[in-house]
Amino acid sequence: MLDAFDFFLVVFVLKRIAGDFGTDVKSITYAIFLTLAMRPVGAFLFGRMADHFGRRPALMASVLLYSGMEFASAFAPSLRVFLVLRALYGIAMGGEWGVGASLAFESVPIRSRGLVSGLLQAGYPCGYLLASVVFGLLFEHIGWRGMSWWAPRRRCWCCTSAARCPSRRPGPRPAPHR
């Protein structure tokens, strides 16, 4: 949900970003392309990280990194810097889904996996909806840079809170009873 929220905030403000950088909307859409093109790279890298260091640290690193890239995007001084930040955002964003889904499915009882799967699938459209609500409420007051600055702060707090929670390493699960 959080990755979709950030991704669609940029989609909603393409024209304003183009104006700030003195370019056309088409040039800004490369940021969308780069974000999406780099997601598989992030999925691979963070998947490897999750296998080596654990799912939760890899997921937290992914969320903190894409939050940091979103935050840094607000301060991009040029189109080139903005595009590089959005490419890095795509790498970090790519790590969230696979690692998060693996962690969720390893952590919930087998009987709840269908429900959890549905909730995970609903996250992306909910992030899109939340981005549209925030855009409608805040854009005229804080602009695109303000939204890029405001959104990641909440996630960083969530990650630092999650880091303090005791970890539960899932062991082998018994076969489901039929």
N, C-alpha and C. Protein backbone atom coordinates (compact mmCIF):
# COMPACT_ATOMS: atom_id res chain seq x y z
N MET A 1 0.82 -1.19 0.00
CA MET A 1 0.00 0.00 0.00
C MET A 1 0.87 1.26 0.00
N LEU A 2 1.92 1.25 0.80
CA LEU A 2 2.74 2.44 0.93
C LEU A 2 3.52 2.74 -0.35
N ASP A 3 3.96 1.68 -1.03
CA ASP A 3 4.69 1.90 -2.28
C ASP A 3 3.77 2.48 -3.34
N ALA A 4 2.55 1.98 -3.41
CA ALA A 4 1.57 2.51 -4.37
C ALA A 4 1.23 3.96 -4.05
N PHE A 5 1.11 4.25 -2.77
CA PHE A 5 0.82 5.62 -2.35
C PHE A 5 1.86 6.58 -2.91
N ASP A 6 3.14 6.29 -2.68
CA ASP A 6 4.21 7.16 -3.18
C ASP A 6 4.26 7.19 -4.70
N PHE A 7 4.12 6.03 -5.32
CA PHE A 7 4.20 5.96 -6.77
C PHE A 7 3.13 6.83 -7.42
N PHE A 8 1.90 6.72 -6.94
CA PHE A 8 0.81 7.45 -7.58
C PHE A 8 0.80 8.94 -7.22
N LEU A 9 1.43 9.32 -6.13
CA LEU A 9 1.56 10.75 -5.87
C LEU A 9 2.31 11.43 -7.01
N VAL A 10 3.36 10.78 -7.50
CA VAL A 10 4.11 11.34 -8.63
C VAL A 10 3.25 11.37 -9.89
N VAL A 11 2.50 10.31 -10.11
CA VAL A 11 1.63 10.25 -11.30
C VAL A 11 0.64 11.41 -11.29
N PHE A 12 0.10 11.73 -10.14
CA PHE A 12 -0.89 12.80 -10.04
C PHE A 12 -0.31 14.20 -10.29
N VAL A 13 0.98 14.38 -10.10
CA VAL A 13 1.56 15.72 -10.16
C VAL A 13 2.57 15.90 -11.29
N LEU A 14 2.47 15.09 -12.31
CA LEU A 14 3.42 15.16 -13.43
C LEU A 14 3.53 16.57 -14.02
N LYS A 15 2.41 17.21 -14.23
CA LYS A 15 2.42 18.54 -14.86
C LYS A 15 3.14 19.56 -13.98
N ARG A 16 2.91 19.51 -12.68
CA ARG A 16 3.55 20.45 -11.77
C ARG A 16 5.05 20.19 -11.68
N ILE A 17 5.44 18.92 -11.65
CA ILE A 17 6.87 18.60 -11.62
C ILE A 17 7.54 19.11 -12.89
N ALA A 18 6.88 18.88 -14.04
CA ALA A 18 7.41 19.37 -15.31
C ALA A 18 7.60 20.89 -15.26
N GLY A 19 6.63 21.60 -14.72
CA GLY A 19 6.74 23.05 -14.60
C GLY A 19 7.91 23.47 -13.73
N ASP A 20 8.10 22.78 -12.61
CA ASP A 20 9.20 23.11 -11.71
C ASP A 20 10.57 22.90 -12.35
N PHE A 21 10.66 21.89 -13.20
CA PHE A 21 11.94 21.60 -13.85
C PHE A 21 12.05 22.22 -15.23
N GLY A 22 11.06 22.99 -15.63
CA GLY A 22 11.10 23.67 -16.91
C GLY A 22 11.16 22.74 -18.11
N THR A 23 10.40 21.68 -18.05
CA THR A 23 10.39 20.69 -19.14
C THR A 23 8.95 20.29 -19.44
N ASP A 24 8.78 19.35 -20.34
CA ASP A 24 7.44 18.89 -20.68
C ASP A 24 7.08 17.65 -19.86
N VAL A 25 5.81 17.30 -19.86
CA VAL A 25 5.32 16.16 -19.09
C VAL A 25 5.97 14.87 -19.58
N LYS A 26 6.18 14.75 -20.90
CA LYS A 26 6.79 13.53 -21.43
C LYS A 26 8.15 13.26 -20.78
N SER A 27 8.93 14.28 -20.55
CA SER A 27 10.24 14.10 -19.91
C SER A 27 10.09 13.58 -18.48
N ILE A 28 9.06 14.02 -17.80
CA ILE A 28 8.83 13.58 -16.42
C ILE A 28 8.32 12.14 -16.39
N THR A 29 7.63 11.71 -17.44
CA THR A 29 7.12 10.33 -17.45
C THR A 29 8.25 9.31 -17.48
N TYR A 30 9.45 9.72 -17.83
CA TYR A 30 10.59 8.80 -17.73
C TYR A 30 10.80 8.38 -16.28
N ALA A 31 10.43 9.22 -15.35
CA ALA A 31 10.52 8.84 -13.93
C ALA A 31 9.63 7.63 -13.65
N ILE A 32 8.45 7.61 -14.24
CA ILE A 32 7.55 6.47 -14.06
C ILE A 32 8.17 5.23 -14.70
N PHE A 33 8.68 5.39 -15.92
CA PHE A 33 9.33 4.27 -16.61
C PHE A 33 10.49 3.72 -15.77
N LEU A 34 11.36 4.60 -15.30
CA LEU A 34 12.52 4.15 -14.53
C LEU A 34 12.10 3.46 -13.24
N THR A 35 11.10 3.99 -12.57
CA THR A 35 10.62 3.36 -11.34
C THR A 35 10.15 1.94 -11.62
N LEU A 36 9.33 1.77 -12.64
CA LEU A 36 8.80 0.44 -12.94
C LEU A 36 9.87 -0.49 -13.51
N ALA A 37 10.77 0.04 -14.33
CA ALA A 37 11.81 -0.79 -14.93
C ALA A 37 12.80 -1.30 -13.88
N MET A 38 13.01 -0.56 -12.82
CA MET A 38 13.98 -0.95 -11.80
C MET A 38 13.40 -1.85 -10.71
N ARG A 39 12.10 -2.00 -10.69
CA ARG A 39 11.49 -2.86 -9.66
C ARG A 39 11.99 -4.30 -9.70
N PRO A 40 12.14 -4.92 -10.88
CA PRO A 40 12.67 -6.29 -10.87
C PRO A 40 14.10 -6.38 -10.31
N VAL A 41 14.88 -5.36 -10.55
CA VAL A 41 16.24 -5.32 -9.97
C VAL A 41 16.13 -5.34 -8.45
N GLY A 42 15.24 -4.51 -7.92
CA GLY A 42 15.04 -4.47 -6.47
C GLY A 42 14.50 -5.77 -5.92
N ALA A 43 13.58 -6.38 -6.66
CA ALA A 43 13.02 -7.67 -6.21
C ALA A 43 14.14 -8.70 -6.08
N PHE A 44 15.03 -8.74 -7.05
CA PHE A 44 16.15 -9.67 -7.00
C PHE A 44 17.09 -9.35 -5.84
N LEU A 45 17.51 -8.09 -5.74
CA LEU A 45 18.47 -7.71 -4.71
C LEU A 45 17.92 -7.90 -3.30
N PHE A 46 16.71 -7.44 -3.07
CA PHE A 46 16.14 -7.56 -1.73
C PHE A 46 15.73 -8.99 -1.42
N GLY A 47 15.40 -9.77 -2.44
CA GLY A 47 15.14 -11.20 -2.22
C GLY A 47 16.40 -11.91 -1.74
N ARG A 48 17.52 -11.60 -2.38
CA ARG A 48 18.81 -12.17 -1.95
C ARG A 48 19.14 -11.72 -0.53
N MET A 49 18.89 -10.43 -0.26
CA MET A 49 19.15 -9.89 1.07
C MET A 49 18.28 -10.60 2.11
N ALA A 50 17.03 -10.84 1.76
CA ALA A 50 16.12 -11.51 2.69
C ALA A 50 16.57 -12.93 2.99
N ASP A 51 17.06 -13.62 1.97
CA ASP A 51 17.56 -14.98 2.19
C ASP A 51 18.80 -14.98 3.07
N HIS A 52 19.59 -13.95 2.97
CA HIS A 52 20.84 -13.91 3.72
C HIS A 52 20.68 -13.33 5.13
N PHE A 53 19.93 -12.23 5.26
CA PHE A 53 19.83 -11.53 6.54
C PHE A 53 18.49 -11.71 7.24
N GLY A 54 17.52 -12.23 6.56
CA GLY A 54 16.19 -12.40 7.14
C GLY A 54 15.18 -11.49 6.45
N ARG A 55 13.92 -11.92 6.49
CA ARG A 55 12.87 -11.20 5.78
C ARG A 55 12.58 -9.83 6.38
N ARG A 56 12.46 -9.77 7.69
CA ARG A 56 12.11 -8.49 8.32
C ARG A 56 13.18 -7.42 8.11
N PRO A 57 14.46 -7.70 8.32
CA PRO A 57 15.46 -6.66 8.05
C PRO A 57 15.46 -6.23 6.57
N ALA A 58 15.27 -7.17 5.66
CA ALA A 58 15.25 -6.81 4.24
C ALA A 58 14.04 -5.95 3.92
N LEU A 59 12.89 -6.30 4.48
CA LEU A 59 11.69 -5.52 4.25
C LEU A 59 11.83 -4.11 4.82
N MET A 60 12.35 -4.03 6.03
CA MET A 60 12.55 -2.71 6.64
C MET A 60 13.55 -1.88 5.84
N ALA A 61 14.60 -2.52 5.33
CA ALA A 61 15.57 -1.79 4.52
C ALA A 61 14.92 -1.29 3.24
N SER A 62 14.10 -2.11 2.62
CA SER A 62 13.40 -1.70 1.40
C SER A 62 12.50 -0.50 1.67
N VAL A 63 11.70 -0.58 2.72
CA VAL A 63 10.78 0.51 3.03
C VAL A 63 11.54 1.79 3.40
N LEU A 64 12.58 1.65 4.20
CA LEU A 64 13.36 2.84 4.57
C LEU A 64 14.05 3.46 3.35
N LEU A 65 14.56 2.61 2.47
CA LEU A 65 15.25 3.14 1.28
C LEU A 65 14.28 3.82 0.33
N TYR A 66 13.13 3.21 0.05
CA TYR A 66 12.23 3.90 -0.88
C TYR A 66 11.61 5.12 -0.22
N SER A 67 11.47 5.11 1.09
CA SER A 67 11.01 6.32 1.77
C SER A 67 12.06 7.42 1.67
N GLY A 68 13.32 7.03 1.84
CA GLY A 68 14.40 8.00 1.71
C GLY A 68 14.50 8.58 0.30
N MET A 69 14.30 7.74 -0.70
CA MET A 69 14.35 8.22 -2.09
C MET A 69 13.16 9.13 -2.39
N GLU A 70 12.01 8.81 -1.84
CA GLU A 70 10.84 9.68 -2.01
C GLU A 70 11.09 11.02 -1.34
N PHE A 71 11.63 10.98 -0.14
CA PHE A 71 11.94 12.20 0.60
C PHE A 71 12.96 13.04 -0.18
N ALA A 72 14.02 12.39 -0.67
CA ALA A 72 15.05 13.10 -1.42
C ALA A 72 14.50 13.69 -2.72
N SER A 73 13.50 13.03 -3.31
CA SER A 73 12.89 13.54 -4.54
C SER A 73 12.32 14.94 -4.34
N ALA A 74 11.86 15.21 -3.14
CA ALA A 74 11.29 16.53 -2.84
C ALA A 74 12.34 17.63 -2.96
N PHE A 75 13.60 17.27 -2.81
CA PHE A 75 14.67 18.25 -2.83
C PHE A 75 15.51 18.18 -4.11
N ALA A 76 15.05 17.43 -5.08
CA ALA A 76 15.81 17.29 -6.33
C ALA A 76 15.97 18.66 -6.99
N PRO A 77 17.21 19.05 -7.27
CA PRO A 77 17.45 20.37 -7.86
C PRO A 77 17.29 20.40 -9.38
N SER A 78 17.26 19.21 -9.99
CA SER A 78 17.18 19.16 -11.45
C SER A 78 16.42 17.91 -11.89
N LEU A 79 16.05 17.92 -13.14
CA LEU A 79 15.35 16.75 -13.70
C LEU A 79 16.25 15.53 -13.65
N ARG A 80 17.51 15.67 -13.97
CA ARG A 80 18.44 14.53 -13.96
C ARG A 80 18.51 13.90 -12.57
N VAL A 81 18.65 14.71 -11.55
CA VAL A 81 18.70 14.19 -10.17
C VAL A 81 17.37 13.53 -9.82
N PHE A 82 16.28 14.14 -10.20
CA PHE A 82 14.96 13.57 -9.95
C PHE A 82 14.83 12.19 -10.59
N LEU A 83 15.28 12.05 -11.83
CA LEU A 83 15.18 10.76 -12.53
C LEU A 83 16.06 9.70 -11.86
N VAL A 84 17.24 10.08 -11.43
CA VAL A 84 18.11 9.13 -10.73
C VAL A 84 17.46 8.68 -9.42
N LEU A 85 16.91 9.63 -8.68
CA LEU A 85 16.24 9.29 -7.41
C LEU A 85 15.05 8.38 -7.64
N ARG A 86 14.30 8.61 -8.72
CA ARG A 86 13.14 7.76 -8.99
C ARG A 86 13.57 6.36 -9.45
N ALA A 87 14.71 6.24 -10.12
CA ALA A 87 15.24 4.92 -10.47
C ALA A 87 15.64 4.17 -9.21
N LEU A 88 16.33 4.85 -8.31
CA LEU A 88 16.71 4.24 -7.03
C LEU A 88 15.47 3.90 -6.20
N TYR A 89 14.47 4.77 -6.27
CA TYR A 89 13.19 4.49 -5.61
C TYR A 89 12.60 3.18 -6.15
N GLY A 90 12.67 2.99 -7.46
CA GLY A 90 12.14 1.76 -8.07
C GLY A 90 12.85 0.52 -7.57
N ILE A 91 14.18 0.60 -7.42
CA ILE A 91 14.92 -0.54 -6.88
C ILE A 91 14.44 -0.86 -5.48
N ALA A 92 14.36 0.16 -4.63
CA ALA A 92 13.92 -0.05 -3.25
C ALA A 92 12.47 -0.52 -3.19
N MET A 93 11.63 0.07 -4.04
CA MET A 93 10.21 -0.31 -4.08
C MET A 93 10.05 -1.76 -4.51
N GLY A 94 10.94 -2.23 -5.40
CA GLY A 94 10.86 -3.60 -5.89
C GLY A 94 11.06 -4.64 -4.81
N GLY A 95 11.72 -4.27 -3.74
CA GLY A 95 11.94 -5.22 -2.66
C GLY A 95 10.77 -5.43 -1.74
N GLU A 96 9.80 -4.55 -1.79
CA GLU A 96 8.74 -4.62 -0.79
C GLU A 96 7.79 -5.79 -0.99
N TRP A 97 7.28 -5.98 -2.20
CA TRP A 97 6.20 -6.96 -2.39
C TRP A 97 6.66 -8.39 -2.12
N GLY A 98 7.72 -8.82 -2.78
CA GLY A 98 8.14 -10.21 -2.62
C GLY A 98 8.57 -10.54 -1.21
N VAL A 99 9.38 -9.68 -0.63
CA VAL A 99 9.87 -9.91 0.72
C VAL A 99 8.72 -9.81 1.72
N GLY A 100 7.86 -8.80 1.53
CA GLY A 100 6.72 -8.64 2.44
C GLY A 100 5.75 -9.80 2.37
N ALA A 101 5.47 -10.28 1.17
CA ALA A 101 4.57 -11.42 1.02
C ALA A 101 5.17 -12.67 1.64
N SER A 102 6.45 -12.89 1.41
CA SER A 102 7.12 -14.06 2.01
C SER A 102 7.06 -14.00 3.53
N LEU A 103 7.36 -12.85 4.06
CA LEU A 103 7.32 -12.68 5.51
C LEU A 103 5.91 -12.91 6.05
N ALA A 104 4.93 -12.36 5.37
CA ALA A 104 3.55 -12.53 5.82
C ALA A 104 3.14 -13.99 5.81
N PHE A 105 3.44 -14.68 4.72
CA PHE A 105 3.00 -16.07 4.60
C PHE A 105 3.77 -17.00 5.53
N GLU A 106 4.99 -16.65 5.88
CA GLU A 106 5.75 -17.44 6.85
C GLU A 106 5.26 -17.19 8.27
N SER A 107 4.60 -16.06 8.48
CA SER A 107 4.25 -15.64 9.83
C SER A 107 2.82 -15.94 10.23
N VAL A 108 1.95 -16.25 9.29
CA VAL A 108 0.55 -16.47 9.62
C VAL A 108 0.23 -17.96 9.57
N PRO A 109 -0.77 -18.38 10.31
CA PRO A 109 -1.18 -19.78 10.24
C PRO A 109 -1.64 -20.14 8.82
N ILE A 110 -1.46 -21.38 8.48
CA ILE A 110 -1.82 -21.85 7.14
C ILE A 110 -3.28 -21.54 6.82
N ARG A 111 -4.15 -21.70 7.78
CA ARG A 111 -5.58 -21.48 7.54
C ARG A 111 -5.91 -20.02 7.22
N SER A 112 -5.01 -19.10 7.54
CA SER A 112 -5.26 -17.67 7.31
C SER A 112 -4.60 -17.14 6.05
N ARG A 113 -3.89 -17.97 5.33
CA ARG A 113 -3.12 -17.48 4.19
C ARG A 113 -3.99 -16.95 3.05
N GLY A 114 -5.15 -17.50 2.84
CA GLY A 114 -6.05 -16.99 1.81
C GLY A 114 -6.51 -15.58 2.13
N LEU A 115 -6.91 -15.36 3.37
CA LEU A 115 -7.32 -14.03 3.80
C LEU A 115 -6.17 -13.04 3.69
N VAL A 116 -5.00 -13.44 4.16
CA VAL A 116 -3.83 -12.55 4.11
C VAL A 116 -3.47 -12.24 2.66
N SER A 117 -3.57 -13.23 1.80
CA SER A 117 -3.29 -13.01 0.38
C SER A 117 -4.23 -11.94 -0.19
N GLY A 118 -5.51 -12.04 0.16
CA GLY A 118 -6.48 -11.03 -0.30
C GLY A 118 -6.16 -9.65 0.24
N LEU A 119 -5.77 -9.58 1.50
CA LEU A 119 -5.42 -8.29 2.08
C LEU A 119 -4.18 -7.69 1.41
N LEU A 120 -3.19 -8.54 1.14
CA LEU A 120 -2.00 -8.05 0.46
C LEU A 120 -2.33 -7.54 -0.95
N GLN A 121 -3.18 -8.25 -1.65
CA GLN A 121 -3.56 -7.83 -3.00
C GLN A 121 -4.35 -6.52 -2.97
N ALA A 122 -5.08 -6.28 -1.90
CA ALA A 122 -5.86 -5.05 -1.79
C ALA A 122 -4.99 -3.85 -1.44
N GLY A 123 -3.75 -4.09 -1.04
CA GLY A 123 -2.88 -3.00 -0.63
C GLY A 123 -2.58 -1.99 -1.73
N TYR A 124 -2.32 -2.46 -2.93
CA TYR A 124 -1.95 -1.55 -4.01
C TYR A 124 -3.09 -0.62 -4.38
N PRO A 125 -4.32 -1.15 -4.61
CA PRO A 125 -5.41 -0.20 -4.90
C PRO A 125 -5.74 0.70 -3.72
N CYS A 126 -5.54 0.23 -2.50
CA CYS A 126 -5.77 1.09 -1.34
C CYS A 126 -4.74 2.21 -1.29
N GLY A 127 -3.49 1.92 -1.66
CA GLY A 127 -2.47 2.96 -1.73
C GLY A 127 -2.81 3.99 -2.79
N TYR A 128 -3.34 3.52 -3.91
CA TYR A 128 -3.77 4.42 -4.99
C TYR A 128 -4.90 5.32 -4.48
N LEU A 129 -5.86 4.74 -3.80
CA LEU A 129 -6.97 5.50 -3.24
C LEU A 129 -6.48 6.52 -2.21
N LEU A 130 -5.61 6.09 -1.33
CA LEU A 130 -5.07 7.00 -0.31
C LEU A 130 -4.30 8.15 -0.96
N ALA A 131 -3.53 7.84 -2.00
CA ALA A 131 -2.79 8.90 -2.70
C ALA A 131 -3.74 9.91 -3.33
N SER A 132 -4.84 9.42 -3.87
CA SER A 132 -5.80 10.36 -4.48
C SER A 132 -6.47 11.24 -3.43
N VAL A 133 -6.74 10.67 -2.26
CA VAL A 133 -7.34 11.46 -1.18
C VAL A 133 -6.35 12.51 -0.67
N VAL A 134 -5.12 12.09 -0.43
CA VAL A 134 -4.10 13.03 0.05
C VAL A 134 -3.84 14.11 -1.01
N PHE A 135 -3.78 13.72 -2.26
CA PHE A 135 -3.60 14.70 -3.33
C PHE A 135 -4.73 15.73 -3.30
N GLY A 136 -5.96 15.23 -3.21
CA GLY A 136 -7.11 16.14 -3.19
C GLY A 136 -7.12 17.07 -1.99
N LEU A 137 -6.67 16.59 -0.86
CA LEU A 137 -6.70 17.40 0.36
C LEU A 137 -5.49 18.31 0.54
N LEU A 138 -4.32 17.87 0.13
CA LEU A 138 -3.10 18.59 0.48
C LEU A 138 -2.35 19.27 -0.65
N PHE A 139 -2.55 18.82 -1.88
CA PHE A 139 -1.72 19.32 -2.97
C PHE A 139 -1.75 20.83 -3.10
N GLU A 140 -2.89 21.44 -3.04
CA GLU A 140 -2.98 22.89 -3.19
C GLU A 140 -2.31 23.64 -2.05
N HIS A 141 -2.13 22.96 -0.93
CA HIS A 141 -1.54 23.61 0.25
C HIS A 141 -0.02 23.41 0.35
N ILE A 142 0.45 22.21 -0.04
CA ILE A 142 1.87 21.92 0.17
C ILE A 142 2.61 21.57 -1.12
N GLY A 143 1.92 21.42 -2.24
CA GLY A 143 2.57 21.13 -3.52
C GLY A 143 3.15 19.73 -3.59
N TRP A 144 3.74 19.40 -4.72
CA TRP A 144 4.27 18.04 -4.89
C TRP A 144 5.49 17.81 -4.01
N ARG A 145 6.30 18.81 -3.82
CA ARG A 145 7.49 18.63 -2.98
C ARG A 145 7.08 18.40 -1.53
N GLY A 146 6.07 19.10 -1.08
CA GLY A 146 5.57 18.91 0.28
C GLY A 146 5.00 17.52 0.50
N MET A 147 4.30 17.01 -0.50
CA MET A 147 3.75 15.65 -0.37
C MET A 147 4.87 14.62 -0.37
N SER A 148 5.92 14.84 -1.17
CA SER A 148 7.06 13.92 -1.18
C SER A 148 7.85 13.99 0.11
N TRP A 149 7.77 15.09 0.79
CA TRP A 149 8.46 15.26 2.05
C TRP A 149 7.64 14.70 3.21
N TRP A 150 6.32 14.87 3.16
CA TRP A 150 5.43 14.50 4.25
C TRP A 150 5.24 13.00 4.37
N ALA A 151 4.98 12.33 3.27
CA ALA A 151 4.59 10.91 3.28
C ALA A 151 5.63 9.97 3.90
N PRO A 152 6.91 10.05 3.54
CA PRO A 152 7.87 9.06 4.05
C PRO A 152 8.13 9.12 5.54
N ARG A 153 7.87 10.23 6.16
CA ARG A 153 8.15 10.35 7.60
C ARG A 153 7.36 9.35 8.41
N ARG A 154 6.14 9.07 8.04
CA ARG A 154 5.30 8.11 8.77
C ARG A 154 5.88 6.70 8.68
N ARG A 155 6.36 6.32 7.50
CA ARG A 155 6.91 4.98 7.32
C ARG A 155 8.17 4.78 8.13
N CYS A 156 9.01 5.78 8.21
CA CYS A 156 10.24 5.66 8.98
C CYS A 156 9.92 5.39 10.45
N TRP A 157 8.89 6.03 10.95
CA TRP A 157 8.47 5.79 12.33
C TRP A 157 8.00 4.34 12.49
N CYS A 158 7.23 3.85 11.52
CA CYS A 158 6.74 2.46 11.58
C CYS A 158 7.90 1.48 11.56
N CYS A 159 8.89 1.72 10.72
CA CYS A 159 10.04 0.81 10.64
C CYS A 159 10.85 0.80 11.92
N THR A 160 11.06 1.96 12.51
CA THR A 160 11.83 1.99 13.75
C THR A 160 11.04 1.31 14.87
N SER A 161 9.72 1.42 14.84
CA SER A 161 8.90 0.72 15.83
C SER A 161 8.97 -0.78 15.61
N ALA A 162 8.92 -1.22 14.37
CA ALA A 162 8.98 -2.65 14.06
C ALA A 162 10.34 -3.23 14.44
N ALA A 163 11.38 -2.44 14.33
CA ALA A 163 12.72 -2.92 14.67
C ALA A 163 12.85 -3.24 16.15
N ARG A 164 12.04 -2.60 16.98
CA ARG A 164 12.10 -2.82 18.42
C ARG A 164 11.27 -4.02 18.86
N CYS A 165 10.40 -4.54 17.99
CA CYS A 165 9.56 -5.69 18.34
C CYS A 165 10.39 -6.97 18.31
N PRO A 166 10.12 -7.87 19.24
CA PRO A 166 10.87 -9.13 19.21
C PRO A 166 10.53 -9.91 17.93
N SER A 167 11.53 -10.59 17.40
CA SER A 167 11.36 -11.35 16.17
C SER A 167 10.93 -12.76 16.50
N ARG A 168 10.09 -13.30 15.66
CA ARG A 168 9.67 -14.69 15.80
C ARG A 168 10.12 -15.40 14.53
N ARG A 169 11.02 -16.33 14.68
CA ARG A 169 11.51 -17.09 13.53
C ARG A 169 10.57 -18.27 13.32
N PRO A 170 9.88 -18.33 12.20
CA PRO A 170 8.98 -19.44 11.97
C PRO A 170 9.78 -20.73 11.77
N GLY A 171 9.35 -21.75 12.44
CA GLY A 171 9.98 -23.05 12.25
C GLY A 171 9.16 -23.86 11.28
N PRO A 172 9.52 -25.12 11.14
CA PRO A 172 8.71 -25.97 10.25
C PRO A 172 7.29 -26.08 10.78
N ARG A 173 6.36 -26.02 9.90
CA ARG A 173 4.96 -26.12 10.30
C ARG A 173 4.46 -27.54 10.05
N PRO A 174 3.57 -27.99 10.92
CA PRO A 174 3.00 -29.30 10.68
C PRO A 174 2.08 -29.25 9.45
N ALA A 175 1.91 -30.39 8.84
CA ALA A 175 1.01 -30.47 7.68
C ALA A 175 -0.42 -30.12 8.14
N PRO A 176 -1.18 -29.45 7.28
CA PRO A 176 -2.56 -29.09 7.66
C PRO A 176 -3.42 -30.35 7.83
N HIS A 177 -4.33 -30.28 8.77
CA HIS A 177 -5.26 -31.39 8.99
C HIS A 177 -6.37 -31.31 7.97
N ARG A 178 -6.69 -32.41 7.41
CA ARG A 178 -7.76 -32.44 6.40
C ARG A 178 -8.94 -33.18 6.90
